[in-house]
Amino acid sequence: MASPFLIKKPWVTEKSTAGAERGKYVFIVNGRATKPEIRKAVKEIYNVEVVSVNVVNRPPKRKRFGAGLKGSQEGYRKAVVTLKDGQKIDLQ
């Protein structure tokens, strides 16, 4: 059984929604998640056949806010999951 904390949430943007029409879905995943773990989790949670998994690590970024206030944006790991033709995931 896949860890319930492996997939944090679906990443819903205009670009990811356009990809969903071609069978590609984007998820924010745990920073230590591997491709086989992500594949297994998506298969178990959504009951679909996964063709491939690609991951992108987005590092934290330093930001300045207003009058000299400094902070940072959190980094995250994003997974792009491609499904077998004809399969869908309803993210709503």
Foldseek 3Di string as FASTA:
>chain_A
DADPQFFPAWDDDPVQVVVQVVQKTKTWGDPPDDFVSVQVVCCVPQVFHWDGKDKDKFCKAWDADPPRRIDIDHITMMMITGTDPPDHGDRD
